[in-house]
Amino acid sequence: MEVADEVSAAAWRKSSYSNQTGGDCLEVADGLTDLVPVRDSKAPDGPALTFCAAPWTAFISDLKTRHP
């Protein structure tokens, strides 16, 4: 399966900090092998940035440390 197919078929989620009025939110797709796609929630059919899982995990861990 192509990466683009995996990303388009992925289950996307928004941060629990997002409100229901739309706002400026990112969505992340879980469950892809070694990949973490990220997209703009206002443009779900638009492009997604795809990160390798290890650097993404380090990025999120650093955010949690700096902004608990």
Foldseek 3Di string as FASTA:
>chain_A
DDPVVCVLPFDKDWDPPDDPPQPFTKIWGDDDPQKIWIDTPVCSVDDTDIDGPVVVVVVVVVCVVVPD
